[in-house]
Amino acid sequence: MPTDAPRPGHPVRGSSTGRPIMALFDLIGRRWTLRVIWELDRAAHPPTFRELRTACGEISSSVLTRRLHELTAAGIVDHVNGYSLTPIGQRLIHSLQPITAWAQDWDRQLH
């Protein structure tokens, strides 16, 4: 399956030059992408496609297939005996922790 996964150095939404941060935001801003990443991070073992789809809730098979292809092409997910985050995918999770904390503070401020 060909993929149009955002890649640094290639035009992406919001950046004709494909700045790495813009390519990342384009990728993780796609519908269901962050949920797939979160579920992979929380999985006790590399889930099968069916297990991952169940964990994600309402995601369709076609959308999950597309997101997994994009995340694999981006080097964030690997598929060997189930799906798992690659080392760079694990670094992404770690890097998102300060943004998660910021979002929680933001939520408290608004409520």
PDB file of N, CA and C in Angstrom:
ATOM      1  N   MET A   1       0.844  -1.183   0.000  1.00  0.00           N
ATOM      2  CA  MET A   1       0.000   0.000   0.000  1.00  0.00           C
ATOM      3  C   MET A   1       0.885   1.241   0.000  1.00  0.00           C
ATOM      4  N   PRO A   2       0.770   2.114  -0.991  1.00  0.00           N
ATOM      5  CA  PRO A   2       1.540   3.351  -0.983  1.00  0.00           C
ATOM      6  C   PRO A   2       1.080   4.227   0.174  1.00  0.00           C
ATOM      7  N   THR A   3       1.983   5.011   0.673  1.00  0.00           N
ATOM      8  CA  THR A   3       1.640   5.874   1.801  1.00  0.00           C
ATOM      9  C   THR A   3       1.996   7.312   1.500  1.00  0.00           C
ATOM     10  N   ASP A   4       1.194   8.201   2.002  1.00  0.00           N
ATOM     11  CA  ASP A   4       1.492   9.617   1.891  1.00  0.00           C
ATOM     12  C   ASP A   4       1.865  10.158   3.264  1.00  0.00           C
ATOM     13  N   ALA A   5       2.538   9.332   4.044  1.00  0.00           N
ATOM     14  CA  ALA A   5       2.941   9.736   5.392  1.00  0.00           C
ATOM     15  C   ALA A   5       3.841  10.956   5.324  1.00  0.00           C
ATOM     16  N   PRO A   6       3.570  11.944   6.171  1.00  0.00           N
ATOM     17  CA  PRO A   6       4.444  13.111   6.220  1.00  0.00           C
ATOM     18  C   PRO A   6       5.868  12.702   6.556  1.00  0.00           C
ATOM     19  N   ARG A   7       6.802  13.374   5.900  1.00  0.00           N
ATOM     20  CA  ARG A   7       8.211  13.099   6.139  1.00  0.00           C
ATOM     21  C   ARG A   7       8.960  14.421   6.183  1.00  0.00           C
ATOM     22  N   PRO A   8       9.898  14.547   7.106  1.00  0.00           N
ATOM     23  CA  PRO A   8      10.719  15.764   7.121  1.00  0.00           C
ATOM     24  C   PRO A   8      11.392  15.963   5.765  1.00  0.00           C
ATOM     25  N   GLY A   9      11.466  17.215   5.351  1.00  0.00           N
ATOM     26  CA  GLY A   9      12.115  17.543   4.091  1.00  0.00           C
ATOM     27  C   GLY A   9      11.208  17.492   2.883  1.00  0.00           C
ATOM     28  N   HIS A  10       9.957  17.104   3.083  1.00  0.00           N
ATOM     29  CA  HIS A  10       8.960  17.044   2.016  1.00  0.00           C
ATOM     30  C   HIS A  10       7.791  17.946   2.404  1.00  0.00           C
ATOM     31  N   PRO A  11       7.147  18.582   1.450  1.00  0.00           N
ATOM     32  CA  PRO A  11       6.016  19.450   1.793  1.00  0.00           C
ATOM     33  C   PRO A  11       4.955  18.706   2.607  1.00  0.00           C
ATOM     34  N   VAL A  12       4.464  19.369   3.647  1.00  0.00           N
ATOM     35  CA  VAL A  12       3.410  18.831   4.515  1.00  0.00           C
ATOM     36  C   VAL A  12       2.421  19.947   4.802  1.00  0.00           C
ATOM     37  N   ARG A  13       1.302  19.599   5.436  1.00  0.00           N
ATOM     38  CA  ARG A  13       0.341  20.638   5.811  1.00  0.00           C
ATOM     39  C   ARG A  13       1.048  21.700   6.637  1.00  0.00           C
ATOM     40  N   GLY A  14       0.963  22.933   6.191  1.00  0.00           N
ATOM     41  CA  GLY A  14       1.531  24.048   6.943  1.00  0.00           C
ATOM     42  C   GLY A  14       2.982  24.355   6.659  1.00  0.00           C
ATOM     43  N   SER A  15       3.648  23.580   5.822  1.00  0.00           N
ATOM     44  CA  SER A  15       5.066  23.829   5.555  1.00  0.00           C
ATOM     45  C   SER A  15       5.437  23.311   4.168  1.00  0.00           C
ATOM     46  N   SER A  16       5.792  24.220   3.297  1.00  0.00           N
ATOM     47  CA  SER A  16       6.209  23.796   1.957  1.00  0.00           C
ATOM     48  C   SER A  16       7.601  23.174   1.965  1.00  0.00           C
ATOM     49  N   THR A  17       8.378  23.445   3.016  1.00  0.00           N
ATOM     50  CA  THR A  17       9.729  22.883   3.101  1.00  0.00           C
ATOM     51  C   THR A  17       9.769  21.575   3.879  1.00  0.00           C
ATOM     52  N   GLY A  18       8.704  21.257   4.594  1.00  0.00           N
ATOM     53  CA  GLY A  18       8.689  20.021   5.374  1.00  0.00           C
ATOM     54  C   GLY A  18       9.581  20.075   6.587  1.00  0.00           C
ATOM     55  N   ARG A  19       9.529  21.200   7.299  1.00  0.00           N
ATOM     56  CA  ARG A  19      10.302  21.271   8.547  1.00  0.00           C
ATOM     57  C   ARG A  19       9.951  20.061   9.405  1.00  0.00           C
ATOM     58  N   PRO A  20      10.928  19.471  10.077  1.00  0.00           N
ATOM     59  CA  PRO A  20      10.659  18.259  10.853  1.00  0.00           C
ATOM     60  C   PRO A  20       9.497  18.403  11.841  1.00  0.00           C
ATOM     61  N   ILE A  21       9.408  19.515  12.559  1.00  0.00           N
ATOM     62  CA  ILE A  21       8.320  19.674  13.527  1.00  0.00           C
ATOM     63  C   ILE A  21       6.968  19.730  12.820  1.00  0.00           C
ATOM     64  N   MET A  22       6.916  20.354  11.650  1.00  0.00           N
ATOM     65  CA  MET A  22       5.657  20.434  10.909  1.00  0.00           C
ATOM     66  C   MET A  22       5.266  19.066  10.353  1.00  0.00           C
ATOM     67  N   ALA A  23       6.255  18.302   9.913  1.00  0.00           N
ATOM     68  CA  ALA A  23       5.962  16.944   9.444  1.00  0.00           C
ATOM     69  C   ALA A  23       5.422  16.097  10.598  1.00  0.00           C
ATOM     70  N   LEU A  24       6.017  16.247  11.784  1.00  0.00           N
ATOM     71  CA  LEU A  24       5.531  15.514  12.951  1.00  0.00           C
ATOM     72  C   LEU A  24       4.104  15.915  13.294  1.00  0.00           C
ATOM     73  N   PHE A  25       3.837  17.229  13.347  1.00  0.00           N
ATOM     74  CA  PHE A  25       2.480  17.675  13.685  1.00  0.00           C
ATOM     75  C   PHE A  25       1.471  17.236  12.640  1.00  0.00           C
ATOM     76  N   ASP A  26       1.865  17.213  11.381  1.00  0.00           N
ATOM     77  CA  ASP A  26       0.973  16.729  10.333  1.00  0.00           C
ATOM     78  C   ASP A  26       0.656  15.252  10.588  1.00  0.00           C
ATOM     79  N   LEU A  27       1.673  14.464  10.874  1.00  0.00           N
ATOM     80  CA  LEU A  27       1.477  13.030  11.103  1.00  0.00           C
ATOM     81  C   LEU A  27       0.622  12.767  12.339  1.00  0.00           C
ATOM     82  N   ILE A  28       1.002  13.308  13.484  1.00  0.00           N
ATOM     83  CA  ILE A  28       0.280  12.977  14.716  1.00  0.00           C
ATOM     84  C   ILE A  28      -1.059  13.702  14.812  1.00  0.00           C
ATOM     85  N   GLY A  29      -1.263  14.704  13.954  1.00  0.00           N
ATOM     86  CA  GLY A  29      -2.535  15.398  13.929  1.00  0.00           C
ATOM     87  C   GLY A  29      -3.595  14.703  13.098  1.00  0.00           C
ATOM     88  N   ARG A  30      -3.236  13.643  12.435  1.00  0.00           N
ATOM     89  CA  ARG A  30      -4.214  12.904  11.624  1.00  0.00           C
ATOM     90  C   ARG A  30      -5.154  12.123  12.540  1.00  0.00           C
ATOM     91  N   ARG A  31      -6.382  12.021  12.083  1.00  0.00           N
ATOM     92  CA  ARG A  31      -7.425  11.337  12.856  1.00  0.00           C
ATOM     93  C   ARG A  31      -6.956   9.957  13.299  1.00  0.00           C
ATOM     94  N   TRP A  32      -7.071   9.677  14.582  1.00  0.00           N
ATOM     95  CA  TRP A  32      -6.770   8.406  15.231  1.00  0.00           C
ATOM     96  C   TRP A  32      -5.283   8.127  15.435  1.00  0.00           C
ATOM     97  N   THR A  33      -4.384   8.928  14.877  1.00  0.00           N
ATOM     98  CA  THR A  33      -2.961   8.600  14.976  1.00  0.00           C
ATOM     99  C   THR A  33      -2.476   8.587  16.416  1.00  0.00           C
ATOM    100  N   LEU A  34      -2.780   9.636  17.176  1.00  0.00           N
ATOM    101  CA  LEU A  34      -2.315   9.650  18.563  1.00  0.00           C
ATOM    102  C   LEU A  34      -2.923   8.505  19.369  1.00  0.00           C
ATOM    103  N   ARG A  35      -4.167   8.183  19.120  1.00  0.00           N
ATOM    104  CA  ARG A  35      -4.792   7.068  19.853  1.00  0.00           C
ATOM    105  C   ARG A  35      -4.050   5.767  19.581  1.00  0.00           C
ATOM    106  N   VAL A  36      -3.695   5.526  18.327  1.00  0.00           N
ATOM    107  CA  VAL A  36      -2.952   4.316  17.978  1.00  0.00           C
ATOM    108  C   VAL A  36      -1.610   4.307  18.719  1.00  0.00           C
ATOM    109  N   ILE A  37      -0.913   5.441  18.704  1.00  0.00           N
ATOM    110  CA  ILE A  37       0.380   5.531  19.398  1.00  0.00           C
ATOM    111  C   ILE A  37       0.213   5.288  20.892  1.00  0.00           C
ATOM    112  N   TRP A  38      -0.805   5.917  21.519  1.00  0.00           N
ATOM    113  CA  TRP A  38      -1.031   5.742  22.963  1.00  0.00           C
ATOM    114  C   TRP A  38      -1.324   4.276  23.292  1.00  0.00           C
ATOM    115  N   GLU A  39      -2.174   3.652  22.479  1.00  0.00           N
ATOM    116  CA  GLU A  39      -2.529   2.255  22.760  1.00  0.00           C
ATOM    117  C   GLU A  39      -1.313   1.343  22.617  1.00  0.00           C
ATOM    118  N   LEU A  40      -0.465   1.608  21.649  1.00  0.00           N
ATOM    119  CA  LEU A  40       0.750   0.805  21.506  1.00  0.00           C
ATOM    120  C   LEU A  40       1.676   1.002  22.697  1.00  0.00           C
ATOM    121  N   ASP A  41       1.742   2.218  23.194  1.00  0.00           N
ATOM    122  CA  ASP A  41       2.584   2.489  24.362  1.00  0.00           C
ATOM    123  C   ASP A  41       2.053   1.777  25.603  1.00  0.00           C
ATOM    124  N   ARG A  42       0.757   1.672  25.725  1.00  0.00           N
ATOM    125  CA  ARG A  42       0.148   1.075  26.915  1.00  0.00           C
ATOM    126  C   ARG A  42       0.023  -0.449  26.844  1.00  0.00           C
ATOM    127  N   ALA A  43       0.221  -1.017  25.685  1.00  0.00           N
ATOM    128  CA  ALA A  43       0.016  -2.462  25.512  1.00  0.00           C
ATOM    129  C   ALA A  43       1.041  -3.263  26.316  1.00  0.00           C
ATOM    130  N   ALA A  44       0.559  -4.329  26.945  1.00  0.00           N
ATOM    131  CA  ALA A  44       1.439  -5.205  27.724  1.00  0.00           C
ATOM    132  C   ALA A  44       2.340  -6.045  26.826  1.00  0.00           C
ATOM    133  N   HIS A  45       1.887  -6.264  25.595  1.00  0.00           N
ATOM    134  CA  HIS A  45       2.653  -7.020  24.601  1.00  0.00           C
ATOM    135  C   HIS A  45       2.283  -6.456  23.224  1.00  0.00           C
ATOM    136  N   PRO A  46       3.099  -6.692  22.202  1.00  0.00           N
ATOM    137  CA  PRO A  46       2.746  -6.173  20.873  1.00  0.00           C
ATOM    138  C   PRO A  46       1.398  -6.726  20.413  1.00  0.00           C
ATOM    139  N   PRO A  47       0.392  -5.859  20.300  1.00  0.00           N
ATOM    140  CA  PRO A  47      -0.934  -6.351  19.928  1.00  0.00           C
ATOM    141  C   PRO A  47      -1.025  -6.734  18.459  1.00  0.00           C
ATOM    142  N   THR A  48      -1.929  -7.664  18.193  1.00  0.00           N
ATOM    143  CA  THR A  48      -2.275  -7.978  16.810  1.00  0.00           C
ATOM    144  C   THR A  48      -3.131  -6.833  16.274  1.00  0.00           C
ATOM    145  N   PHE A  49      -3.393  -6.852  14.994  1.00  0.00           N
ATOM    146  CA  PHE A  49      -4.261  -5.841  14.392  1.00  0.00           C
ATOM    147  C   PHE A  49      -5.610  -5.832  15.103  1.00  0.00           C
ATOM    148  N   ARG A  50      -6.187  -6.979  15.301  1.00  0.00           N
ATOM    149  CA  ARG A  50      -7.512  -7.078  15.938  1.00  0.00           C
ATOM    150  C   ARG A  50      -7.473  -6.554  17.374  1.00  0.00           C
ATOM    151  N   GLU A  51      -6.446  -6.907  18.127  1.00  0.00           N
ATOM    152  CA  GLU A  51      -6.325  -6.413  19.506  1.00  0.00           C
ATOM    153  C   GLU A  51      -6.178  -4.894  19.532  1.00  0.00           C
ATOM    154  N   LEU A  52      -5.390  -4.360  18.607  1.00  0.00           N
ATOM    155  CA  LEU A  52      -5.197  -2.916  18.547  1.00  0.00           C
ATOM    156  C   LEU A  52      -6.491  -2.216  18.159  1.00  0.00           C
ATOM    157  N   ARG A  53      -7.210  -2.776  17.214  1.00  0.00           N
ATOM    158  CA  ARG A  53      -8.484  -2.186  16.797  1.00  0.00           C
ATOM    159  C   ARG A  53      -9.470  -2.169  17.969  1.00  0.00           C
ATOM    160  N   THR A  54      -9.521  -3.243  18.722  1.00  0.00           N
ATOM    161  CA  THR A  54     -10.390  -3.299  19.902  1.00  0.00           C
ATOM    162  C   THR A  54      -9.975  -2.248  20.928  1.00  0.00           C
ATOM    163  N   ALA A  55      -8.683  -2.118  21.160  1.00  0.00           N
ATOM    164  CA  ALA A  55      -8.191  -1.138  22.136  1.00  0.00           C
ATOM    165  C   ALA A  55      -8.522   0.290  21.720  1.00  0.00           C
ATOM    166  N   CYS A  56      -8.544   0.539  20.419  1.00  0.00           N
ATOM    167  CA  CYS A  56      -8.814   1.888  19.916  1.00  0.00           C
ATOM    168  C   CYS A  56     -10.309   2.229  19.905  1.00  0.00           C
ATOM    169  N   GLY A  57     -11.161   1.264  20.107  1.00  0.00           N
ATOM    170  CA  GLY A  57     -12.588   1.562  20.185  1.00  0.00           C
ATOM    171  C   GLY A  57     -13.264   1.628  18.842  1.00  0.00           C
ATOM    172  N   GLU A  58     -13.639   2.812  18.423  1.00  0.00           N
ATOM    173  CA  GLU A  58     -14.483   2.997  17.244  1.00  0.00           C
ATOM    174  C   GLU A  58     -13.734   3.105  15.918  1.00  0.00           C
ATOM    175  N   ILE A  59     -12.459   2.867  15.895  1.00  0.00           N
ATOM    176  CA  ILE A  59     -11.680   3.016  14.659  1.00  0.00           C
ATOM    177  C   ILE A  59     -12.082   1.949  13.635  1.00  0.00           C
ATOM    178  N   SER A  60     -12.179   2.351  12.386  1.00  0.00           N
ATOM    179  CA  SER A  60     -12.504   1.377  11.338  1.00  0.00           C
ATOM    180  C   SER A  60     -11.230   0.631  10.922  1.00  0.00           C
ATOM    181  N   SER A  61     -11.415  -0.525  10.346  1.00  0.00           N
ATOM    182  CA  SER A  61     -10.271  -1.316   9.878  1.00  0.00           C
ATOM    183  C   SER A  61      -9.468  -0.557   8.836  1.00  0.00           C
ATOM    184  N   SER A  62     -10.158   0.141   7.926  1.00  0.00           N
ATOM    185  CA  SER A  62      -9.443   0.844   6.860  1.00  0.00           C
ATOM    186  C   SER A  62      -8.618   2.008   7.413  1.00  0.00           C
ATOM    187  N   VAL A  63      -9.155   2.729   8.383  1.00  0.00           N
ATOM    188  CA  VAL A  63      -8.396   3.841   8.968  1.00  0.00           C
ATOM    189  C   VAL A  63      -7.220   3.296   9.763  1.00  0.00           C
ATOM    190  N   LEU A  64      -7.427   2.252  10.539  1.00  0.00           N
ATOM    191  CA  LEU A  64      -6.317   1.672  11.300  1.00  0.00           C
ATOM    192  C   LEU A  64      -5.232   1.161  10.361  1.00  0.00           C
ATOM    193  N   THR A  65      -5.619   0.514   9.290  1.00  0.00           N
ATOM    194  CA  THR A  65      -4.640   0.035   8.307  1.00  0.00           C
ATOM    195  C   THR A  65      -3.814   1.195   7.771  1.00  0.00           C
ATOM    196  N   ARG A  66      -4.482   2.287   7.393  1.00  0.00           N
ATOM    197  CA  ARG A  66      -3.783   3.447   6.841  1.00  0.00           C
ATOM    198  C   ARG A  66      -2.849   4.059   7.871  1.00  0.00           C
ATOM    199  N   ARG A  67      -3.329   4.218   9.092  1.00  0.00           N
ATOM    200  CA  ARG A  67      -2.484   4.820  10.140  1.00  0.00           C
ATOM    201  C   ARG A  67      -1.272   3.935  10.444  1.00  0.00           C
ATOM    202  N   LEU A  68      -1.461   2.647  10.494  1.00  0.00           N
ATOM    203  CA  LEU A  68      -0.325   1.760  10.749  1.00  0.00           C
ATOM    204  C   LEU A  68       0.688   1.818   9.616  1.00  0.00           C
ATOM    205  N   HIS A  69       0.217   1.903   8.375  1.00  0.00           N
ATOM    206  CA  HIS A  69       1.145   2.050   7.247  1.00  0.00           C
ATOM    207  C   HIS A  69       1.912   3.370   7.354  1.00  0.00           C
ATOM    208  N   GLU A  70       1.222   4.444   7.677  1.00  0.00           N
ATOM    209  CA  GLU A  70       1.881   5.749   7.810  1.00  0.00           C
ATOM    210  C   GLU A  70       2.903   5.737   8.937  1.00  0.00           C
ATOM    211  N   LEU A  71       2.512   5.196  10.084  1.00  0.00           N
ATOM    212  CA  LEU A  71       3.426   5.165  11.230  1.00  0.00           C
ATOM    213  C   LEU A  71       4.606   4.228  10.986  1.00  0.00           C
ATOM    214  N   THR A  72       4.391   3.167  10.257  1.00  0.00           N
ATOM    215  CA  THR A  72       5.489   2.269   9.894  1.00  0.00           C
ATOM    216  C   THR A  72       6.434   2.956   8.912  1.00  0.00           C
ATOM    217  N   ALA A  73       5.866   3.625   7.911  1.00  0.00           N
ATOM    218  CA  ALA A  73       6.694   4.351   6.938  1.00  0.00           C
ATOM    219  C   ALA A  73       7.494   5.458   7.610  1.00  0.00           C
ATOM    220  N   ALA A  74       6.930   6.038   8.668  1.00  0.00           N
ATOM    221  CA  ALA A  74       7.614   7.108   9.398  1.00  0.00           C
ATOM    222  C   ALA A  74       8.643   6.563  10.387  1.00  0.00           C
ATOM    223  N   GLY A  75       8.708   5.240  10.541  1.00  0.00           N
ATOM    224  CA  GLY A  75       9.685   4.641  11.446  1.00  0.00           C
ATOM    225  C   GLY A  75       9.265   4.659  12.904  1.00  0.00           C
ATOM    226  N   ILE A  76       7.985   4.931  13.188  1.00  0.00           N
ATOM    227  CA  ILE A  76       7.502   5.033  14.562  1.00  0.00           C
ATOM    228  C   ILE A  76       6.947   3.709  15.058  1.00  0.00           C
ATOM    229  N   VAL A  77       6.427   2.901  14.150  1.00  0.00           N
ATOM    230  CA  VAL A  77       5.827   1.608  14.494  1.00  0.00           C
ATOM    231  C   VAL A  77       6.515   0.514  13.698  1.00  0.00           C
ATOM    232  N   ASP A  78       6.630  -0.642  14.323  1.00  0.00           N
ATOM    233  CA  ASP A  78       7.180  -1.818  13.667  1.00  0.00           C
ATOM    234  C   ASP A  78       6.156  -2.944  13.790  1.00  0.00           C
ATOM    235  N   HIS A  79       6.195  -3.862  12.847  1.00  0.00           N
ATOM    236  CA  HIS A  79       5.261  -4.988  12.878  1.00  0.00           C
ATOM    237  C   HIS A  79       6.041  -6.282  12.797  1.00  0.00           C
ATOM    238  N   VAL A  80       6.330  -6.834  13.950  1.00  0.00           N
ATOM    239  CA  VAL A  80       6.995  -8.129  14.067  1.00  0.00           C
ATOM    240  C   VAL A  80       6.302  -8.845  15.220  1.00  0.00           C
ATOM    241  N   ASN A  81       5.561  -9.893  14.917  1.00  0.00           N
ATOM    242  CA  ASN A  81       4.797 -10.597  15.958  1.00  0.00           C
ATOM    243  C   ASN A  81       3.869  -9.639  16.705  1.00  0.00           C
ATOM    244  N   GLY A  82       3.190  -8.801  15.973  1.00  0.00           N
ATOM    245  CA  GLY A  82       2.313  -7.786  16.540  1.00  0.00           C
ATOM    246  C   GLY A  82       2.887  -6.408  16.248  1.00  0.00           C
ATOM    247  N   TYR A  83       2.186  -5.385  16.684  1.00  0.00           N
ATOM    248  CA  TYR A  83       2.621  -4.011  16.444  1.00  0.00           C
ATOM    249  C   TYR A  83       3.255  -3.452  17.701  1.00  0.00           C
ATOM    250  N   SER A  84       4.332  -2.687  17.519  1.00  0.00           N
ATOM    251  CA  SER A  84       5.010  -2.065  18.657  1.00  0.00           C
ATOM    252  C   SER A  84       5.668  -0.773  18.211  1.00  0.00           C
ATOM    253  N   LEU A  85       5.957   0.063  19.190  1.00  0.00           N
ATOM    254  CA  LEU A  85       6.687   1.287  18.911  1.00  0.00           C
ATOM    255  C   LEU A  85       8.160   0.961  18.718  1.00  0.00           C
ATOM    256  N   THR A  86       8.777   1.615  17.766  1.00  0.00           N
ATOM    257  CA  THR A  86      10.212   1.492  17.560  1.00  0.00           C
ATOM    258  C   THR A  86      10.905   2.345  18.631  1.00  0.00           C
ATOM    259  N   PRO A  87      12.210   2.277  18.727  1.00  0.00           N
ATOM    260  CA  PRO A  87      12.897   3.162  19.674  1.00  0.00           C
ATOM    261  C   PRO A  87      12.582   4.653  19.435  1.00  0.00           C
ATOM    262  N   ILE A  88      12.495   5.083  18.187  1.00  0.00           N
ATOM    263  CA  ILE A  88      12.159   6.488  17.928  1.00  0.00           C
ATOM    264  C   ILE A  88      10.703   6.759  18.311  1.00  0.00           C
ATOM    265  N   GLY A  89       9.824   5.760  18.167  1.00  0.00           N
ATOM    266  CA  GLY A  89       8.441   5.904  18.617  1.00  0.00           C
ATOM    267  C   GLY A  89       8.366   6.024  20.128  1.00  0.00           C
ATOM    268  N   GLN A  90       9.180   5.273  20.828  1.00  0.00           N
ATOM    269  CA  GLN A  90       9.232   5.368  22.288  1.00  0.00           C
ATOM    270  C   GLN A  90       9.771   6.732  22.718  1.00  0.00           C
ATOM    271  N   ARG A  91      10.734   7.259  21.961  1.00  0.00           N
ATOM    272  CA  ARG A  91      11.245   8.607  22.258  1.00  0.00           C
ATOM    273  C   ARG A  91      10.163   9.657  22.023  1.00  0.00           C
ATOM    274  N   LEU A  92       9.315   9.437  21.017  1.00  0.00           N
ATOM    275  CA  LEU A  92       8.203  10.348  20.774  1.00  0.00           C
ATOM    276  C   LEU A  92       7.288  10.386  21.993  1.00  0.00           C
ATOM    277  N   ILE A  93       6.925   9.232  22.530  1.00  0.00           N
ATOM    278  CA  ILE A  93       6.083   9.172  23.731  1.00  0.00           C
ATOM    279  C   ILE A  93       6.732   9.965  24.863  1.00  0.00           C
ATOM    280  N   HIS A  94       8.002   9.726  25.083  1.00  0.00           N
ATOM    281  CA  HIS A  94       8.724  10.438  26.146  1.00  0.00           C
ATOM    282  C   HIS A  94       8.708  11.947  25.890  1.00  0.00           C
ATOM    283  N   SER A  95       8.886  12.344  24.647  1.00  0.00           N
ATOM    284  CA  SER A  95       8.914  13.760  24.288  1.00  0.00           C
ATOM    285  C   SER A  95       7.557  14.438  24.438  1.00  0.00           C
ATOM    286  N   LEU A  96       6.486  13.671  24.319  1.00  0.00           N
ATOM    287  CA  LEU A  96       5.140  14.230  24.448  1.00  0.00           C
ATOM    288  C   LEU A  96       4.707  14.421  25.901  1.00  0.00           C
ATOM    289  N   GLN A  97       5.451  13.868  26.850  1.00  0.00           N
ATOM    290  CA  GLN A  97       5.061  13.978  28.259  1.00  0.00           C
ATOM    291  C   GLN A  97       4.947  15.430  28.733  1.00  0.00           C
ATOM    292  N   PRO A  98       5.878  16.327  28.399  1.00  0.00           N
ATOM    293  CA  PRO A  98       5.696  17.723  28.821  1.00  0.00           C
ATOM    294  C   PRO A  98       4.471  18.380  28.178  1.00  0.00           C
ATOM    295  N   ILE A  99       4.151  18.013  26.962  1.00  0.00           N
ATOM    296  CA  ILE A  99       2.962  18.569  26.304  1.00  0.00           C
ATOM    297  C   ILE A  99       1.707  18.031  26.983  1.00  0.00           C
ATOM    298  N   THR A 100       1.740  16.765  27.392  1.00  0.00           N
ATOM    299  CA  THR A 100       0.615  16.182  28.115  1.00  0.00           C
ATOM    300  C   THR A 100       0.411  16.915  29.438  1.00  0.00           C
ATOM    301  N   ALA A 101       1.487  17.188  30.149  1.00  0.00           N
ATOM    302  CA  ALA A 101       1.385  17.943  31.411  1.00  0.00           C
ATOM    303  C   ALA A 101       0.835  19.342  31.161  1.00  0.00           C
ATOM    304  N   TRP A 102       1.294  19.994  30.104  1.00  0.00           N
ATOM    305  CA  TRP A 102       0.795  21.320  29.758  1.00  0.00           C
ATOM    306  C   TRP A 102      -0.712  21.265  29.487  1.00  0.00           C
ATOM    307  N   ALA A 103      -1.154  20.259  28.744  1.00  0.00           N
ATOM    308  CA  ALA A 103      -2.579  20.124  28.410  1.00  0.00           C
ATOM    309  C   ALA A 103      -3.417  19.913  29.671  1.00  0.00           C
ATOM    310  N   GLN A 104      -2.890  19.175  30.638  1.00  0.00           N
ATOM    311  CA  GLN A 104      -3.614  18.972  31.894  1.00  0.00           C
ATOM    312  C   GLN A 104      -3.721  20.286  32.669  1.00  0.00           C
ATOM    313  N   ASP A 105      -2.641  21.063  32.687  1.00  0.00           N
ATOM    314  CA  ASP A 105      -2.685  22.390  33.323  1.00  0.00           C
ATOM    315  C   ASP A 105      -3.688  23.286  32.620  1.00  0.00           C
ATOM    316  N   TRP A 106      -3.688  23.258  31.323  1.00  0.00           N
ATOM    317  CA  TRP A 106      -4.618  24.052  30.517  1.00  0.00           C
ATOM    318  C   TRP A 106      -6.057  23.678  30.848  1.00  0.00           C
ATOM    319  N   ASP A 107      -6.321  22.376  30.928  1.00  0.00           N
ATOM    320  CA  ASP A 107      -7.656  21.901  31.274  1.00  0.00           C
ATOM    321  C   ASP A 107      -8.075  22.429  32.651  1.00  0.00           C
ATOM    322  N   ARG A 108      -7.181  22.353  33.636  1.00  0.00           N
ATOM    323  CA  ARG A 108      -7.500  22.851  34.975  1.00  0.00           C
ATOM    324  C   ARG A 108      -7.776  24.353  34.947  1.00  0.00           C
ATOM    325  N   GLN A 109      -7.011  25.078  34.151  1.00  0.00           N
ATOM    326  CA  GLN A 109      -7.193  26.536  34.067  1.00  0.00           C
ATOM    327  C   GLN A 109      -8.558  26.889  33.458  1.00  0.00           C
ATOM    328  N   LEU A 110      -8.998  26.101  32.498  1.00  0.00           N
ATOM    329  CA  LEU A 110     -10.261  26.391  31.828  1.00  0.00           C
ATOM    330  C   LEU A 110     -11.471  25.950  32.640  1.00  0.00           C
ATOM    331  N   HIS A 111     -11.270  25.049  33.571  1.00  0.00           N
ATOM    332  CA  HIS A 111     -12.412  24.536  34.361  1.00  0.00           C
ATOM    333  C   HIS A 111     -12.255  24.983  35.746  1.00  0.00           C
TER     334      HIS A 111
END
